[in-house]
Amino acid sequence: GNSIFMVLVIIMSLAATFIPYEQLTIPWLGPIIGMGYLDYFPLIQYISYFLIGAYMSKHKIVYSKYILIFALITNVLFINYLYQNGHFPRRWGVSLCWIIGGYLYVYIYYILSHMMEENIISHVLEFIGKNTLIILVCSNFFVFIGSKYNFVSLNVNKYFFYVIYWIITVGVCMFVAFLKNSLKRRLT
């Protein structure tokens, strides 16, 4: 029934990563299916995260060895791509490997969020969860800057600068989200 339909939708959404993005020229399609010359987070290709999350929430699944095995396999494929090519999979005009590469990390985050008692780490994770959009937009700004200066490429010689760059990126994004929340509280 619904589970089979969900799996089919996920397969179709992942198949959409093979769209020839460079041939798409209608900007309003970007948020839905992506484009080659403009950067978008296309709904169709990323829908698998939402559907898997909705399924797990509906069935009250926190830990599942099958989901973990699936997430591990997709992560191995992602890491193999990095190893074989020396760079991340295509993110703009999103590729299949980019989409599936995050499954394990999202699943680990999900499991940890259920295991945590209320402490500073749980508050930080809650803060990130409540401010996902602003953190995403802010981090994309840094991704674009980093790609211009080649900070986001995987290069062992730049590893130290790469780590520092992402620590600064996360810090600034968290600070911007904190400021937004502070302003929102003052205005209400």
C-alpha atoms as a PDB file:
ATOM      1  CA  GLY A   1       0.000   0.000   0.000  1.00  0.00           C
ATOM      2  CA  ASN A   2       1.420   3.304   1.182  1.00  0.00           C
ATOM      3  CA  SER A   3       4.940   1.932   1.787  1.00  0.00           C
ATOM      4  CA  ILE A   4       5.237   0.661  -1.789  1.00  0.00           C
ATOM      5  CA  PHE A   5       3.975   3.999  -3.121  1.00  0.00           C
ATOM      6  CA  MET A   6       6.519   5.854  -0.960  1.00  0.00           C
ATOM      7  CA  VAL A   7       9.395   3.659  -2.202  1.00  0.00           C
ATOM      8  CA  LEU A   8       8.319   4.269  -5.809  1.00  0.00           C
ATOM      9  CA  VAL A   9       8.196   8.039  -5.245  1.00  0.00           C
ATOM     10  CA  ILE A  10      11.670   7.936  -3.656  1.00  0.00           C
ATOM     11  CA  ILE A  11      13.045   5.941  -6.608  1.00  0.00           C
ATOM     12  CA  MET A  12      11.483   8.420  -9.046  1.00  0.00           C
ATOM     13  CA  SER A  13      12.866  11.385  -7.100  1.00  0.00           C
ATOM     14  CA  LEU A  14      16.362   9.875  -7.140  1.00  0.00           C
ATOM     15  CA  ALA A  15      15.987   9.102 -10.861  1.00  0.00           C
ATOM     16  CA  ALA A  16      15.298  12.811 -11.356  1.00  0.00           C
ATOM     17  CA  THR A  17      18.965  13.484 -10.511  1.00  0.00           C
ATOM     18  CA  PHE A  18      19.742  12.285 -14.049  1.00  0.00           C
ATOM     19  CA  ILE A  19      17.816  15.177 -15.632  1.00  0.00           C
ATOM     20  CA  PRO A  20      20.055  17.026 -18.132  1.00  0.00           C
ATOM     21  CA  TYR A  21      20.091  20.229 -16.037  1.00  0.00           C
ATOM     22  CA  GLU A  22      22.124  22.206 -18.552  1.00  0.00           C
ATOM     23  CA  GLN A  23      19.244  21.937 -21.035  1.00  0.00           C
ATOM     24  CA  LEU A  24      16.707  23.473 -18.635  1.00  0.00           C
ATOM     25  CA  THR A  25      16.246  27.205 -19.211  1.00  0.00           C
ATOM     26  CA  ILE A  26      12.943  28.004 -17.476  1.00  0.00           C
ATOM     27  CA  PRO A  27      13.856  29.590 -14.094  1.00  0.00           C
ATOM     28  CA  TRP A  28      10.562  28.761 -12.346  1.00  0.00           C
ATOM     29  CA  LEU A  29      11.392  25.048 -12.770  1.00  0.00           C
ATOM     30  CA  GLY A  30      14.560  25.473 -10.700  1.00  0.00           C
ATOM     31  CA  PRO A  31      13.017  25.082  -7.238  1.00  0.00           C
ATOM     32  CA  ILE A  32      11.075  22.060  -8.441  1.00  0.00           C
ATOM     33  CA  ILE A  33      13.590  20.074 -10.526  1.00  0.00           C
ATOM     34  CA  GLY A  34      16.810  22.161 -10.585  1.00  0.00           C
ATOM     35  CA  MET A  35      18.762  23.830 -13.358  1.00  0.00           C
ATOM     36  CA  GLY A  36      22.268  23.783 -14.757  1.00  0.00           C
ATOM     37  CA  TYR A  37      23.092  27.486 -14.806  1.00  0.00           C
ATOM     38  CA  LEU A  38      21.368  28.555 -11.566  1.00  0.00           C
ATOM     39  CA  ASP A  39      21.815  26.980  -8.143  1.00  0.00           C
ATOM     40  CA  TYR A  40      18.715  25.504  -6.505  1.00  0.00           C
ATOM     41  CA  PHE A  41      17.752  22.914  -3.909  1.00  0.00           C
ATOM     42  CA  PRO A  42      15.220  21.109  -6.093  1.00  0.00           C
ATOM     43  CA  LEU A  43      12.218  19.756  -4.233  1.00  0.00           C
ATOM     44  CA  ILE A  44      11.808  16.634  -6.359  1.00  0.00           C
ATOM     45  CA  GLN A  45      15.350  15.344  -5.832  1.00  0.00           C
ATOM     46  CA  TYR A  46      15.455  16.100  -2.084  1.00  0.00           C
ATOM     47  CA  ILE A  47      11.958  14.737  -1.338  1.00  0.00           C
ATOM     48  CA  SER A  48      13.418  11.376  -0.280  1.00  0.00           C
ATOM     49  CA  TYR A  49      14.660  12.923   2.982  1.00  0.00           C
ATOM     50  CA  PHE A  50      11.189  14.186   3.832  1.00  0.00           C
ATOM     51  CA  LEU A  51       9.411  10.988   2.854  1.00  0.00           C
ATOM     52  CA  ILE A  52      11.773   8.744   4.805  1.00  0.00           C
ATOM     53  CA  GLY A  53      11.458  11.060   7.807  1.00  0.00           C
ATOM     54  CA  ALA A  54       7.656  11.106   7.581  1.00  0.00           C
ATOM     55  CA  TYR A  55       7.568   7.309   7.314  1.00  0.00           C
ATOM     56  CA  MET A  56       9.843   6.901  10.343  1.00  0.00           C
ATOM     57  CA  SER A  57       7.811   9.404  12.335  1.00  0.00           C
ATOM     58  CA  LYS A  58       4.490   7.802  11.451  1.00  0.00           C
ATOM     59  CA  HIS A  59       5.727   4.336  12.423  1.00  0.00           C
ATOM     60  CA  LYS A  60       7.675   5.645  15.442  1.00  0.00           C
ATOM     61  CA  ILE A  61      10.945   4.200  14.139  1.00  0.00           C
ATOM     62  CA  VAL A  62      14.089   5.459  15.810  1.00  0.00           C
ATOM     63  CA  TYR A  63      16.593   2.693  15.193  1.00  0.00           C
ATOM     64  CA  SER A  64      16.305   0.159  12.399  1.00  0.00           C
ATOM     65  CA  LYS A  65      19.151  -2.072  11.303  1.00  0.00           C
ATOM     66  CA  TYR A  66      17.730  -2.048   7.754  1.00  0.00           C
ATOM     67  CA  ILE A  67      17.728   1.736   7.575  1.00  0.00           C
ATOM     68  CA  LEU A  68      21.227   1.801   9.059  1.00  0.00           C
ATOM     69  CA  ILE A  69      22.495  -0.738   6.493  1.00  0.00           C
ATOM     70  CA  PHE A  70      20.877   1.280   3.684  1.00  0.00           C
ATOM     71  CA  ALA A  71      22.439   4.511   5.007  1.00  0.00           C
ATOM     72  CA  LEU A  72      25.848   2.838   5.341  1.00  0.00           C
ATOM     73  CA  ILE A  73      25.698   1.541   1.769  1.00  0.00           C
ATOM     74  CA  THR A  74      24.781   4.961   0.401  1.00  0.00           C
ATOM     75  CA  ASN A  75      27.604   6.521   2.413  1.00  0.00           C
ATOM     76  CA  VAL A  76      30.103   3.983   1.077  1.00  0.00           C
ATOM     77  CA  LEU A  77      29.009   4.951  -2.444  1.00  0.00           C
ATOM     78  CA  PHE A  78      29.504   8.629  -1.579  1.00  0.00           C
ATOM     79  CA  ILE A  79      32.951   8.065  -0.051  1.00  0.00           C
ATOM     80  CA  ASN A  80      33.941   5.872  -3.001  1.00  0.00           C
ATOM     81  CA  TYR A  81      32.996   8.728  -5.323  1.00  0.00           C
ATOM     82  CA  LEU A  82      35.190  11.117  -3.302  1.00  0.00           C
ATOM     83  CA  TYR A  83      38.072   8.654  -3.363  1.00  0.00           C
ATOM     84  CA  GLN A  84      37.760   7.847  -7.074  1.00  0.00           C
ATOM     85  CA  ASN A  85      37.277  11.430  -8.276  1.00  0.00           C
ATOM     86  CA  GLY A  86      39.084  13.533  -5.668  1.00  0.00           C
ATOM     87  CA  HIS A  87      36.151  15.932  -5.288  1.00  0.00           C
ATOM     88  CA  PHE A  88      32.562  16.016  -4.077  1.00  0.00           C
ATOM     89  CA  PRO A  89      29.741  14.871  -6.355  1.00  0.00           C
ATOM     90  CA  ARG A  90      27.919  17.551  -8.352  1.00  0.00           C
ATOM     91  CA  ARG A  91      25.827  19.657  -5.986  1.00  0.00           C
ATOM     92  CA  TRP A  92      24.372  22.224  -8.376  1.00  0.00           C
ATOM     93  CA  GLY A  93      22.427  20.375 -10.891  1.00  0.00           C
ATOM     94  CA  VAL A  94      22.287  17.891  -8.000  1.00  0.00           C
ATOM     95  CA  SER A  95      23.652  14.392  -8.582  1.00  0.00           C
ATOM     96  CA  LEU A  96      22.414  11.090  -7.213  1.00  0.00           C
ATOM     97  CA  CYS A  97      25.613  10.593  -5.238  1.00  0.00           C
ATOM     98  CA  TRP A  98      25.223  14.017  -3.583  1.00  0.00           C
ATOM     99  CA  ILE A  99      21.641  13.237  -2.501  1.00  0.00           C
ATOM    100  CA  ILE A 100      22.358   9.786  -1.076  1.00  0.00           C
ATOM    101  CA  GLY A 101      25.647  10.896   0.483  1.00  0.00           C
ATOM    102  CA  GLY A 102      23.860  12.583   3.354  1.00  0.00           C
ATOM    103  CA  TYR A 103      21.548   9.761   4.409  1.00  0.00           C
ATOM    104  CA  LEU A 104      23.929   8.295   7.000  1.00  0.00           C
ATOM    105  CA  TYR A 105      24.696  11.664   8.600  1.00  0.00           C
ATOM    106  CA  VAL A 106      21.032  12.632   8.807  1.00  0.00           C
ATOM    107  CA  TYR A 107      20.200   9.216  10.287  1.00  0.00           C
ATOM    108  CA  ILE A 108      22.984   9.502  12.896  1.00  0.00           C
ATOM    109  CA  TYR A 109      21.740  12.994  13.779  1.00  0.00           C
ATOM    110  CA  TYR A 110      18.211  11.593  14.085  1.00  0.00           C
ATOM    111  CA  ILE A 111      19.303   8.726  16.377  1.00  0.00           C
ATOM    112  CA  LEU A 112      21.439  11.029  18.549  1.00  0.00           C
ATOM    113  CA  SER A 113      18.602  13.504  18.895  1.00  0.00           C
ATOM    114  CA  HIS A 114      16.407  10.731  20.296  1.00  0.00           C
ATOM    115  CA  MET A 115      19.110   9.485  22.673  1.00  0.00           C
ATOM    116  CA  MET A 116      20.068  12.804  24.212  1.00  0.00           C
ATOM    117  CA  GLU A 117      18.931  14.026  27.519  1.00  0.00           C
ATOM    118  CA  GLU A 118      18.463  17.737  27.872  1.00  0.00           C
ATOM    119  CA  ASN A 119      21.952  19.264  27.960  1.00  0.00           C
ATOM    120  CA  ILE A 120      23.994  21.841  26.044  1.00  0.00           C
ATOM    121  CA  ILE A 121      24.451  19.560  23.018  1.00  0.00           C
ATOM    122  CA  SER A 122      20.731  18.856  22.786  1.00  0.00           C
ATOM    123  CA  HIS A 123      20.063  22.602  22.946  1.00  0.00           C
ATOM    124  CA  VAL A 124      22.581  23.251  20.138  1.00  0.00           C
ATOM    125  CA  LEU A 125      21.000  20.523  17.981  1.00  0.00           C
ATOM    126  CA  GLU A 126      17.531  21.870  18.741  1.00  0.00           C
ATOM    127  CA  PHE A 127      18.709  25.359  17.800  1.00  0.00           C
ATOM    128  CA  ILE A 128      20.075  24.042  14.496  1.00  0.00           C
ATOM    129  CA  GLY A 129      16.842  22.171  13.815  1.00  0.00           C
ATOM    130  CA  LYS A 130      14.688  25.221  14.510  1.00  0.00           C
ATOM    131  CA  ASN A 131      16.884  27.457  12.325  1.00  0.00           C
ATOM    132  CA  THR A 132      17.624  25.125   9.445  1.00  0.00           C
ATOM    133  CA  LEU A 133      16.569  27.511   6.695  1.00  0.00           C
ATOM    134  CA  ILE A 134      18.624  30.484   7.857  1.00  0.00           C
ATOM    135  CA  ILE A 135      21.649  28.260   8.545  1.00  0.00           C
ATOM    136  CA  LEU A 136      21.266  26.699   5.086  1.00  0.00           C
ATOM    137  CA  VAL A 137      21.046  30.083   3.343  1.00  0.00           C
ATOM    138  CA  CYS A 138      23.991  31.448   5.319  1.00  0.00           C
ATOM    139  CA  SER A 139      26.120  28.357   4.702  1.00  0.00           C
ATOM    140  CA  ASN A 140      25.371  28.550   0.969  1.00  0.00           C
ATOM    141  CA  PHE A 141      26.847  32.051   0.969  1.00  0.00           C
ATOM    142  CA  PHE A 142      30.049  30.586   2.377  1.00  0.00           C
ATOM    143  CA  VAL A 143      29.937  27.658  -0.047  1.00  0.00           C
ATOM    144  CA  PHE A 144      29.853  30.090  -2.968  1.00  0.00           C
ATOM    145  CA  ILE A 145      32.715  32.131  -1.511  1.00  0.00           C
ATOM    146  CA  GLY A 146      34.663  28.961  -0.768  1.00  0.00           C
ATOM    147  CA  SER A 147      34.151  27.573  -4.249  1.00  0.00           C
ATOM    148  CA  LYS A 148      35.417  30.826  -5.775  1.00  0.00           C
ATOM    149  CA  TYR A 149      38.647  30.479  -3.790  1.00  0.00           C
ATOM    150  CA  ASN A 150      38.702  26.675  -4.119  1.00  0.00           C
ATOM    151  CA  PHE A 151      38.317  26.127  -0.341  1.00  0.00           C
ATOM    152  CA  VAL A 152      35.594  23.538  -0.743  1.00  0.00           C
ATOM    153  CA  SER A 153      37.544  21.146  -2.940  1.00  0.00           C
ATOM    154  CA  LEU A 154      38.975  18.072  -1.306  1.00  0.00           C
ATOM    155  CA  ASN A 155      42.713  18.619  -1.253  1.00  0.00           C
ATOM    156  CA  VAL A 156      44.885  17.046   1.422  1.00  0.00           C
ATOM    157  CA  ASN A 157      47.335  19.984   1.316  1.00  0.00           C
ATOM    158  CA  LYS A 158      44.498  22.335   2.221  1.00  0.00           C
ATOM    159  CA  TYR A 159      42.956  20.092   4.890  1.00  0.00           C
ATOM    160  CA  PHE A 160      43.810  22.396   7.809  1.00  0.00           C
ATOM    161  CA  PHE A 161      42.386  25.444   6.029  1.00  0.00           C
ATOM    162  CA  TYR A 162      39.391  23.405   4.954  1.00  0.00           C
ATOM    163  CA  VAL A 163      38.567  22.516   8.585  1.00  0.00           C
ATOM    164  CA  ILE A 164      39.098  26.095   9.781  1.00  0.00           C
ATOM    165  CA  TYR A 165      36.963  27.402   6.912  1.00  0.00           C
ATOM    166  CA  TRP A 166      34.034  25.142   7.874  1.00  0.00           C
ATOM    167  CA  ILE A 167      34.374  25.894  11.601  1.00  0.00           C
ATOM    168  CA  ILE A 168      34.123  29.604  10.772  1.00  0.00           C
ATOM    169  CA  THR A 169      31.206  28.936   8.407  1.00  0.00           C
ATOM    170  CA  VAL A 170      29.251  27.007  11.054  1.00  0.00           C
ATOM    171  CA  GLY A 171      30.065  29.607  13.711  1.00  0.00           C
ATOM    172  CA  VAL A 172      28.930  32.540  11.593  1.00  0.00           C
ATOM    173  CA  CYS A 173      25.761  30.716  10.519  1.00  0.00           C
ATOM    174  CA  MET A 174      24.878  29.919  14.123  1.00  0.00           C
ATOM    175  CA  PHE A 175      25.556  33.547  15.109  1.00  0.00           C
ATOM    176  CA  VAL A 176      23.308  34.865  12.307  1.00  0.00           C
ATOM    177  CA  ALA A 177      20.528  32.488  13.381  1.00  0.00           C
ATOM    178  CA  PHE A 178      20.984  33.602  17.005  1.00  0.00           C
ATOM    179  CA  LEU A 179      20.717  37.269  15.957  1.00  0.00           C
ATOM    180  CA  LYS A 180      17.576  36.542  13.939  1.00  0.00           C
ATOM    181  CA  ASN A 181      15.970  34.861  16.956  1.00  0.00           C
ATOM    182  CA  SER A 182      17.008  37.686  19.277  1.00  0.00           C
ATOM    183  CA  LEU A 183      15.510  40.287  16.933  1.00  0.00           C
ATOM    184  CA  LYS A 184      12.346  38.247  16.555  1.00  0.00           C
ATOM    185  CA  ARG A 185      11.907  38.052  20.351  1.00  0.00           C
ATOM    186  CA  ARG A 186      12.404  41.797  20.715  1.00  0.00           C
ATOM    187  CA  LEU A 187       9.904  42.600  17.973  1.00  0.00           C
ATOM    188  CA  THR A 188       7.168  40.403  19.433  1.00  0.00           C
END
